[in-house]
Amino acid sequence: MATTHQHNPTPEVKELCKCLALDDNQLRDIMAKIEMEYKKGLDPVTAPTACVKMLLTYIRAIAVGEEKGEFLALDLGGTNFRVLRITLEGGCRSTMHNKIYSMPDSVQQGTGTEVTWTVKKEKKRQKVIGVKNKTPIHLNEKQSVLIVIKNVTNIKIHLNHCV
């Protein structure tokens, strides 16, 4: 059984919230400013001073739900390193298994300019590595987010962090 709450804000609350109500012109202005910041973030010349940091990913297609295969995703957080094995079965179906490892103190307390991890493969099948990191990573076409690895017994992920 759901409980419903009705709130009757006081005149003071209504007055305070007036500034949060935006008309269509104000919303369009905000959209234009955000788009301008996106463009600044993508331009190598203006990226260092852009309010919105953007990273090129070189993704060539958008997922449609029919993809199949096994994928590894590596998530480098502040204190943890998470490895996810994702199996896409097509028809928008997937299964995911993950394992979380503590980050060594040397990585947590280091300069953050270089992080290297080695992940041993269980099977000799094609894997795709996706890297998610909370700190900015400089990417180019040789260091793209997705790396296809075939028939390799261990995979070394090398990330150069921007300072």
N, C-alpha and C. Protein backbone atom coordinates (compact mmCIF):
# COMPACT_ATOMS: atom_id res chain seq x y z
N MET A 1 0.84 -1.17 0.00
CA MET A 1 0.00 0.00 0.00
C MET A 1 0.89 1.24 0.00
N ALA A 2 0.67 2.13 -0.93
CA ALA A 2 1.46 3.34 -1.04
C ALA A 2 0.83 4.46 -0.22
N THR A 3 1.69 5.26 0.35
CA THR A 3 1.21 6.41 1.12
C THR A 3 1.42 7.65 0.28
N THR A 4 0.41 8.49 0.20
CA THR A 4 0.53 9.74 -0.55
C THR A 4 0.62 10.90 0.43
N HIS A 5 1.50 11.81 0.11
CA HIS A 5 1.65 13.00 0.93
C HIS A 5 1.28 14.21 0.09
N GLN A 6 0.46 15.04 0.65
CA GLN A 6 0.14 16.30 -0.02
C GLN A 6 0.83 17.41 0.75
N HIS A 7 1.52 18.23 0.02
CA HIS A 7 2.24 19.34 0.64
C HIS A 7 1.61 20.64 0.20
N ASN A 8 1.33 21.46 1.13
CA ASN A 8 0.84 22.80 0.83
C ASN A 8 1.92 23.77 1.29
N PRO A 9 2.80 24.16 0.37
CA PRO A 9 3.90 25.02 0.78
C PRO A 9 3.40 26.37 1.29
N THR A 10 4.15 26.88 2.20
CA THR A 10 3.82 28.20 2.76
C THR A 10 4.14 29.27 1.72
N PRO A 11 3.60 30.45 1.88
CA PRO A 11 3.91 31.54 0.94
C PRO A 11 5.42 31.82 0.86
N GLU A 12 6.13 31.65 1.98
CA GLU A 12 7.57 31.89 1.97
C GLU A 12 8.28 30.87 1.07
N VAL A 13 7.87 29.61 1.16
CA VAL A 13 8.47 28.56 0.33
C VAL A 13 8.16 28.82 -1.14
N LYS A 14 6.92 29.19 -1.44
CA LYS A 14 6.55 29.50 -2.82
C LYS A 14 7.40 30.63 -3.38
N GLU A 15 7.63 31.66 -2.56
CA GLU A 15 8.43 32.80 -2.99
C GLU A 15 9.88 32.37 -3.27
N LEU A 16 10.43 31.55 -2.38
CA LEU A 16 11.80 31.07 -2.56
C LEU A 16 11.95 30.23 -3.83
N CYS A 17 10.93 29.48 -4.19
CA CYS A 17 10.99 28.57 -5.34
C CYS A 17 10.73 29.25 -6.67
N LYS A 18 10.25 30.49 -6.66
CA LYS A 18 9.94 31.19 -7.91
C LYS A 18 11.15 31.26 -8.84
N CYS A 19 12.32 31.47 -8.26
CA CYS A 19 13.52 31.62 -9.11
C CYS A 19 13.90 30.30 -9.79
N LEU A 20 13.33 29.18 -9.34
CA LEU A 20 13.64 27.89 -9.95
C LEU A 20 12.76 27.58 -11.16
N ALA A 21 11.67 28.31 -11.33
CA ALA A 21 10.77 28.10 -12.46
C ALA A 21 11.32 28.87 -13.66
N LEU A 22 11.61 28.16 -14.75
CA LEU A 22 12.21 28.77 -15.94
C LEU A 22 11.24 28.69 -17.11
N ASP A 23 11.20 29.77 -17.89
CA ASP A 23 10.35 29.74 -19.09
C ASP A 23 11.15 29.15 -20.25
N ASP A 24 10.48 28.97 -21.39
CA ASP A 24 11.12 28.33 -22.55
C ASP A 24 12.36 29.08 -23.03
N ASN A 25 12.30 30.41 -23.04
CA ASN A 25 13.46 31.20 -23.49
C ASN A 25 14.65 31.01 -22.56
N GLN A 26 14.42 30.97 -21.27
CA GLN A 26 15.51 30.75 -20.32
C GLN A 26 16.11 29.35 -20.50
N LEU A 27 15.26 28.35 -20.72
CA LEU A 27 15.75 26.99 -20.94
C LEU A 27 16.57 26.90 -22.23
N ARG A 28 16.11 27.57 -23.30
CA ARG A 28 16.87 27.57 -24.56
C ARG A 28 18.23 28.24 -24.36
N ASP A 29 18.26 29.32 -23.58
CA ASP A 29 19.51 30.02 -23.30
C ASP A 29 20.48 29.10 -22.55
N ILE A 30 19.98 28.37 -21.58
CA ILE A 30 20.81 27.43 -20.82
C ILE A 30 21.32 26.33 -21.75
N MET A 31 20.44 25.80 -22.61
CA MET A 31 20.85 24.76 -23.56
C MET A 31 21.96 25.26 -24.47
N ALA A 32 21.84 26.48 -24.96
CA ALA A 32 22.86 27.04 -25.86
C ALA A 32 24.20 27.20 -25.13
N LYS A 33 24.14 27.64 -23.87
CA LYS A 33 25.38 27.81 -23.10
C LYS A 33 26.05 26.46 -22.82
N ILE A 34 25.25 25.45 -22.51
CA ILE A 34 25.81 24.11 -22.26
C ILE A 34 26.44 23.57 -23.54
N GLU A 35 25.75 23.72 -24.67
CA GLU A 35 26.29 23.25 -25.95
C GLU A 35 27.61 23.95 -26.28
N MET A 36 27.67 25.26 -26.01
CA MET A 36 28.90 26.02 -26.25
C MET A 36 30.04 25.47 -25.38
N GLU A 37 29.74 25.13 -24.12
CA GLU A 37 30.76 24.58 -23.23
C GLU A 37 31.19 23.18 -23.68
N TYR A 38 30.24 22.38 -24.21
CA TYR A 38 30.61 21.07 -24.77
C TYR A 38 31.63 21.26 -25.89
N LYS A 39 31.34 22.20 -26.79
CA LYS A 39 32.23 22.45 -27.92
C LYS A 39 33.60 22.93 -27.44
N LYS A 40 33.61 23.80 -26.42
CA LYS A 40 34.89 24.25 -25.86
C LYS A 40 35.65 23.07 -25.27
N GLY A 41 34.94 22.17 -24.61
CA GLY A 41 35.58 21.00 -24.00
C GLY A 41 36.16 20.04 -25.00
N LEU A 42 35.58 19.97 -26.20
CA LEU A 42 36.06 19.07 -27.25
C LEU A 42 37.19 19.68 -28.08
N ASP A 43 37.29 20.99 -28.10
CA ASP A 43 38.32 21.67 -28.89
C ASP A 43 39.65 21.63 -28.13
N PRO A 44 40.70 21.04 -28.73
CA PRO A 44 41.99 20.94 -28.03
C PRO A 44 42.54 22.30 -27.58
N VAL A 45 42.21 23.37 -28.31
CA VAL A 45 42.72 24.69 -27.96
C VAL A 45 42.04 25.24 -26.70
N THR A 46 40.72 25.05 -26.59
CA THR A 46 39.98 25.63 -25.46
C THR A 46 39.69 24.62 -24.34
N ALA A 47 39.99 23.36 -24.57
CA ALA A 47 39.68 22.32 -23.57
C ALA A 47 40.27 22.59 -22.18
N PRO A 48 41.51 23.06 -22.08
CA PRO A 48 42.08 23.25 -20.73
C PRO A 48 41.30 24.23 -19.86
N THR A 49 40.62 25.20 -20.48
CA THR A 49 39.89 26.20 -19.69
C THR A 49 38.38 26.01 -19.74
N ALA A 50 37.91 24.95 -20.40
CA ALA A 50 36.47 24.72 -20.52
C ALA A 50 35.86 24.33 -19.18
N CYS A 51 34.63 24.78 -18.94
CA CYS A 51 33.91 24.42 -17.71
C CYS A 51 33.48 22.95 -17.74
N VAL A 52 33.14 22.45 -18.92
CA VAL A 52 32.71 21.06 -19.07
C VAL A 52 33.83 20.31 -19.77
N LYS A 53 34.46 19.38 -19.06
CA LYS A 53 35.56 18.61 -19.63
C LYS A 53 34.98 17.49 -20.50
N MET A 54 35.45 17.39 -21.72
CA MET A 54 34.95 16.38 -22.66
C MET A 54 36.12 15.52 -23.11
N LEU A 55 35.87 14.22 -23.24
CA LEU A 55 36.89 13.29 -23.70
C LEU A 55 36.41 12.60 -24.97
N LEU A 56 37.22 12.60 -26.00
CA LEU A 56 36.88 11.90 -27.23
C LEU A 56 36.94 10.40 -26.98
N THR A 57 35.96 9.66 -27.45
CA THR A 57 35.95 8.22 -27.22
C THR A 57 36.07 7.40 -28.49
N TYR A 58 35.83 7.98 -29.64
CA TYR A 58 35.93 7.27 -30.91
C TYR A 58 34.98 6.08 -30.98
N ILE A 59 33.83 6.17 -30.35
CA ILE A 59 32.82 5.12 -30.45
C ILE A 59 32.19 5.23 -31.82
N ARG A 60 32.15 4.12 -32.55
CA ARG A 60 31.70 4.16 -33.93
C ARG A 60 30.24 3.77 -34.12
N ALA A 61 29.59 3.26 -33.09
CA ALA A 61 28.18 2.88 -33.23
C ALA A 61 27.52 2.91 -31.86
N ILE A 62 26.22 3.10 -31.86
CA ILE A 62 25.44 3.10 -30.63
C ILE A 62 24.82 1.72 -30.45
N ALA A 63 24.82 1.22 -29.23
CA ALA A 63 24.26 -0.10 -28.95
C ALA A 63 22.76 -0.11 -29.28
N VAL A 64 22.30 -1.24 -29.85
CA VAL A 64 20.89 -1.38 -30.21
C VAL A 64 20.21 -2.51 -29.46
N GLY A 65 20.96 -3.23 -28.61
CA GLY A 65 20.37 -4.32 -27.83
C GLY A 65 20.52 -5.69 -28.43
N GLU A 66 21.02 -5.78 -29.66
CA GLU A 66 21.19 -7.08 -30.31
C GLU A 66 22.63 -7.58 -30.23
N GLU A 67 23.50 -6.84 -29.54
CA GLU A 67 24.91 -7.22 -29.44
C GLU A 67 25.06 -8.51 -28.66
N LYS A 68 26.05 -9.31 -29.04
CA LYS A 68 26.35 -10.57 -28.35
C LYS A 68 27.84 -10.64 -28.10
N GLY A 69 28.21 -11.29 -27.01
CA GLY A 69 29.62 -11.50 -26.72
C GLY A 69 29.94 -11.26 -25.26
N GLU A 70 31.19 -11.56 -24.92
CA GLU A 70 31.67 -11.35 -23.56
C GLU A 70 32.55 -10.12 -23.52
N PHE A 71 32.40 -9.32 -22.48
CA PHE A 71 33.14 -8.08 -22.35
C PHE A 71 33.67 -7.96 -20.93
N LEU A 72 34.82 -7.32 -20.80
CA LEU A 72 35.36 -6.96 -19.49
C LEU A 72 35.29 -5.45 -19.37
N ALA A 73 34.84 -4.97 -18.22
CA ALA A 73 34.85 -3.53 -17.94
C ALA A 73 35.66 -3.32 -16.68
N LEU A 74 36.57 -2.37 -16.71
CA LEU A 74 37.43 -2.08 -15.57
C LEU A 74 37.04 -0.70 -15.04
N ASP A 75 36.74 -0.62 -13.75
CA ASP A 75 36.33 0.63 -13.11
C ASP A 75 37.36 0.98 -12.05
N LEU A 76 38.16 2.01 -12.32
CA LEU A 76 39.17 2.46 -11.37
C LEU A 76 38.57 3.57 -10.52
N GLY A 77 38.20 3.27 -9.29
CA GLY A 77 37.64 4.27 -8.39
C GLY A 77 38.71 4.83 -7.48
N GLY A 78 38.30 5.56 -6.47
CA GLY A 78 39.24 6.17 -5.54
C GLY A 78 39.94 5.16 -4.65
N THR A 79 39.21 4.16 -4.17
CA THR A 79 39.80 3.17 -3.26
C THR A 79 39.66 1.75 -3.77
N ASN A 80 38.86 1.55 -4.81
CA ASN A 80 38.60 0.20 -5.31
C ASN A 80 38.89 0.09 -6.80
N PHE A 81 39.14 -1.13 -7.21
CA PHE A 81 39.31 -1.49 -8.61
C PHE A 81 38.28 -2.57 -8.87
N ARG A 82 37.29 -2.30 -9.72
CA ARG A 82 36.21 -3.25 -9.96
C ARG A 82 36.36 -3.83 -11.36
N VAL A 83 36.28 -5.16 -11.44
CA VAL A 83 36.34 -5.87 -12.72
C VAL A 83 34.97 -6.49 -12.95
N LEU A 84 34.36 -6.19 -14.09
CA LEU A 84 33.05 -6.74 -14.42
C LEU A 84 33.17 -7.59 -15.67
N ARG A 85 32.59 -8.78 -15.65
CA ARG A 85 32.49 -9.62 -16.84
C ARG A 85 31.03 -9.58 -17.27
N ILE A 86 30.78 -9.03 -18.43
CA ILE A 86 29.42 -8.83 -18.92
C ILE A 86 29.23 -9.70 -20.14
N THR A 87 28.17 -10.50 -20.14
CA THR A 87 27.82 -11.32 -21.29
C THR A 87 26.56 -10.75 -21.91
N LEU A 88 26.67 -10.27 -23.15
CA LEU A 88 25.51 -9.77 -23.89
C LEU A 88 24.96 -10.92 -24.71
N GLU A 89 23.66 -11.17 -24.54
CA GLU A 89 23.03 -12.33 -25.16
C GLU A 89 22.09 -11.95 -26.30
N GLY A 90 22.06 -10.69 -26.71
CA GLY A 90 21.13 -10.25 -27.73
C GLY A 90 19.74 -10.08 -27.14
N GLY A 91 18.86 -9.44 -27.87
CA GLY A 91 17.50 -9.24 -27.38
C GLY A 91 17.46 -8.44 -26.08
N CYS A 92 18.41 -7.55 -25.89
CA CYS A 92 18.54 -6.71 -24.68
C CYS A 92 18.74 -7.53 -23.41
N ARG A 93 19.24 -8.77 -23.52
CA ARG A 93 19.49 -9.60 -22.35
C ARG A 93 20.98 -9.62 -22.06
N SER A 94 21.30 -9.61 -20.76
CA SER A 94 22.71 -9.66 -20.37
C SER A 94 22.84 -10.24 -18.97
N THR A 95 24.03 -10.76 -18.68
CA THR A 95 24.36 -11.18 -17.32
C THR A 95 25.67 -10.50 -16.97
N MET A 96 25.83 -10.23 -15.68
CA MET A 96 27.03 -9.52 -15.25
C MET A 96 27.55 -10.14 -13.96
N HIS A 97 28.85 -10.36 -13.91
CA HIS A 97 29.53 -10.82 -12.71
C HIS A 97 30.62 -9.80 -12.42
N ASN A 98 30.78 -9.45 -11.14
CA ASN A 98 31.84 -8.50 -10.84
C ASN A 98 32.61 -8.89 -9.60
N LYS A 99 33.81 -8.38 -9.52
CA LYS A 99 34.67 -8.61 -8.36
C LYS A 99 35.34 -7.28 -8.04
N ILE A 100 35.41 -6.96 -6.76
CA ILE A 100 35.99 -5.70 -6.33
C ILE A 100 37.30 -5.97 -5.60
N TYR A 101 38.34 -5.24 -5.99
CA TYR A 101 39.65 -5.35 -5.36
C TYR A 101 39.99 -4.02 -4.71
N SER A 102 40.65 -4.07 -3.57
CA SER A 102 41.11 -2.83 -2.93
C SER A 102 42.29 -2.28 -3.72
N MET A 103 42.36 -0.97 -3.81
CA MET A 103 43.49 -0.33 -4.48
C MET A 103 44.67 -0.31 -3.51
N PRO A 104 45.86 -0.64 -3.97
CA PRO A 104 47.03 -0.56 -3.10
C PRO A 104 47.26 0.88 -2.62
N ASP A 105 47.81 1.03 -1.42
CA ASP A 105 48.09 2.35 -0.88
C ASP A 105 48.97 3.17 -1.82
N SER A 106 49.91 2.50 -2.50
CA SER A 106 50.81 3.21 -3.41
C SER A 106 50.04 3.91 -4.53
N VAL A 107 48.92 3.30 -4.95
CA VAL A 107 48.10 3.92 -6.00
C VAL A 107 47.23 5.01 -5.40
N GLN A 108 46.60 4.72 -4.23
CA GLN A 108 45.72 5.69 -3.59
C GLN A 108 46.47 6.96 -3.21
N GLN A 109 47.71 6.81 -2.74
CA GLN A 109 48.46 7.96 -2.23
C GLN A 109 49.49 8.46 -3.22
N GLY A 110 49.54 7.87 -4.41
CA GLY A 110 50.52 8.27 -5.41
C GLY A 110 50.12 9.55 -6.12
N THR A 111 50.91 9.91 -7.12
CA THR A 111 50.67 11.16 -7.84
C THR A 111 49.52 11.04 -8.82
N GLY A 112 49.14 9.83 -9.18
CA GLY A 112 48.05 9.64 -10.14
C GLY A 112 48.47 9.89 -11.57
N THR A 113 49.76 10.04 -11.83
CA THR A 113 50.19 10.29 -13.21
C THR A 113 50.28 9.02 -14.02
N GLU A 114 50.39 7.86 -13.36
CA GLU A 114 50.48 6.61 -14.10
C GLU A 114 49.89 5.47 -13.27
N VAL A 115 49.01 4.70 -13.86
CA VAL A 115 48.42 3.53 -13.22
C VAL A 115 48.51 2.38 -14.19
N THR A 116 49.01 1.25 -13.76
CA THR A 116 49.10 0.07 -14.62
C THR A 116 48.49 -1.11 -13.88
N TRP A 117 47.60 -1.83 -14.54
CA TRP A 117 46.96 -3.02 -13.96
C TRP A 117 47.15 -4.17 -14.93
N THR A 118 47.31 -5.36 -14.40
CA THR A 118 47.36 -6.55 -15.23
C THR A 118 46.20 -7.44 -14.85
N VAL A 119 45.42 -7.88 -15.84
CA VAL A 119 44.28 -8.75 -15.61
C VAL A 119 44.54 -10.04 -16.35
N LYS A 120 44.55 -11.17 -15.65
CA LYS A 120 44.78 -12.46 -16.30
C LYS A 120 43.46 -12.98 -16.85
N LYS A 121 43.51 -13.48 -18.07
CA LYS A 121 42.30 -14.03 -18.69
C LYS A 121 42.10 -15.47 -18.27
N GLU A 122 40.81 -15.85 -18.13
CA GLU A 122 40.48 -17.23 -17.79
C GLU A 122 40.43 -18.09 -19.04
N LYS A 123 39.95 -17.55 -20.14
CA LYS A 123 39.77 -18.33 -21.36
C LYS A 123 40.42 -17.59 -22.52
N LYS A 124 40.73 -18.31 -23.57
CA LYS A 124 41.36 -17.69 -24.74
C LYS A 124 40.31 -17.32 -25.77
N ARG A 125 39.40 -16.43 -25.39
CA ARG A 125 38.40 -15.93 -26.32
C ARG A 125 38.62 -14.43 -26.51
N GLN A 126 38.04 -13.91 -27.56
CA GLN A 126 38.16 -12.47 -27.80
C GLN A 126 37.50 -11.71 -26.66
N LYS A 127 38.15 -10.70 -26.17
CA LYS A 127 37.61 -9.85 -25.11
C LYS A 127 37.70 -8.40 -25.56
N VAL A 128 36.80 -7.60 -25.11
CA VAL A 128 36.87 -6.17 -25.33
C VAL A 128 37.00 -5.53 -23.96
N ILE A 129 37.94 -4.65 -23.82
CA ILE A 129 38.18 -3.98 -22.55
C ILE A 129 37.61 -2.58 -22.63
N GLY A 130 36.77 -2.22 -21.68
CA GLY A 130 36.27 -0.85 -21.57
C GLY A 130 36.80 -0.27 -20.28
N VAL A 131 37.33 0.91 -20.32
CA VAL A 131 37.92 1.52 -19.13
C VAL A 131 37.07 2.70 -18.70
N LYS A 132 36.64 2.68 -17.43
CA LYS A 132 35.91 3.80 -16.85
C LYS A 132 36.76 4.33 -15.71
N ASN A 133 37.03 5.60 -15.73
CA ASN A 133 37.88 6.17 -14.70
C ASN A 133 37.31 7.51 -14.28
N LYS A 134 37.35 7.80 -12.98
CA LYS A 134 36.78 9.05 -12.49
C LYS A 134 37.70 10.24 -12.68
N THR A 135 38.96 10.01 -13.03
CA THR A 135 39.87 11.11 -13.29
C THR A 135 40.05 11.24 -14.80
N PRO A 136 40.32 12.45 -15.30
CA PRO A 136 40.42 12.63 -16.76
C PRO A 136 41.53 11.78 -17.37
N ILE A 137 41.25 11.24 -18.54
CA ILE A 137 42.23 10.46 -19.28
C ILE A 137 42.38 11.12 -20.65
N HIS A 138 43.60 11.35 -21.07
CA HIS A 138 43.85 11.90 -22.41
C HIS A 138 43.73 10.76 -23.41
N LEU A 139 42.84 10.91 -24.37
CA LEU A 139 42.61 9.84 -25.35
C LEU A 139 42.98 10.32 -26.74
N ASN A 140 43.49 9.41 -27.53
CA ASN A 140 43.64 9.67 -28.96
C ASN A 140 43.30 8.37 -29.66
N GLU A 141 43.43 8.32 -30.97
CA GLU A 141 42.99 7.11 -31.69
C GLU A 141 43.81 5.89 -31.33
N LYS A 142 45.04 6.06 -30.85
CA LYS A 142 45.85 4.91 -30.46
C LYS A 142 45.54 4.47 -29.04
N GLN A 143 44.94 5.34 -28.23
CA GLN A 143 44.57 5.02 -26.85
C GLN A 143 43.08 5.23 -26.71
N SER A 144 42.26 4.49 -27.42
CA SER A 144 40.83 4.73 -27.32
C SER A 144 40.26 3.95 -26.14
N VAL A 145 39.02 4.25 -25.80
CA VAL A 145 38.39 3.63 -24.65
C VAL A 145 38.20 2.14 -24.85
N LEU A 146 37.90 1.71 -26.05
CA LEU A 146 37.68 0.29 -26.30
C LEU A 146 38.89 -0.31 -27.00
N ILE A 147 39.40 -1.40 -26.43
CA ILE A 147 40.57 -2.07 -26.99
C ILE A 147 40.19 -3.53 -27.23
N VAL A 148 40.34 -4.04 -28.44
CA VAL A 148 40.01 -5.43 -28.72
C VAL A 148 41.27 -6.27 -28.53
N ILE A 149 41.15 -7.32 -27.72
CA ILE A 149 42.27 -8.20 -27.43
C ILE A 149 41.90 -9.59 -27.92
N LYS A 150 42.76 -10.25 -28.72
CA LYS A 150 42.49 -11.60 -29.21
C LYS A 150 43.59 -12.54 -28.77
N ASN A 151 43.19 -13.69 -28.23
CA ASN A 151 44.11 -14.78 -27.89
C ASN A 151 45.35 -14.31 -27.12
N VAL A 152 45.13 -13.63 -26.03
CA VAL A 152 46.21 -13.14 -25.20
C VAL A 152 46.04 -13.77 -23.82
N THR A 153 47.13 -14.22 -23.20
CA THR A 153 46.99 -14.86 -21.89
C THR A 153 46.93 -13.86 -20.76
N ASN A 154 47.47 -12.68 -20.94
CA ASN A 154 47.23 -11.64 -19.95
C ASN A 154 47.09 -10.30 -20.66
N ILE A 155 46.35 -9.42 -20.05
CA ILE A 155 46.03 -8.14 -20.66
C ILE A 155 46.58 -7.06 -19.74
N LYS A 156 47.35 -6.15 -20.28
CA LYS A 156 47.88 -5.05 -19.47
C LYS A 156 47.19 -3.76 -19.91
N ILE A 157 46.58 -3.08 -18.96
CA ILE A 157 45.91 -1.81 -19.23
C ILE A 157 46.83 -0.71 -18.71
N HIS A 158 47.19 0.22 -19.55
CA HIS A 158 48.10 1.29 -19.16
C HIS A 158 47.39 2.61 -19.39
N LEU A 159 47.17 3.38 -18.34
CA LEU A 159 46.48 4.66 -18.45
C LEU A 159 47.43 5.78 -18.07
N ASN A 160 47.52 6.79 -18.91
CA ASN A 160 48.27 8.00 -18.56
C ASN A 160 47.25 9.05 -18.15
N HIS A 161 47.28 9.46 -16.90
CA HIS A 161 46.34 10.45 -16.40
C HIS A 161 46.84 11.86 -16.72
N CYS A 162 45.92 12.75 -17.04
CA CYS A 162 46.29 14.15 -17.21
C CYS A 162 46.52 14.75 -15.83
N VAL A 163 47.46 15.66 -15.72
CA VAL A 163 47.72 16.30 -14.42
C VAL A 163 47.11 17.68 -14.44
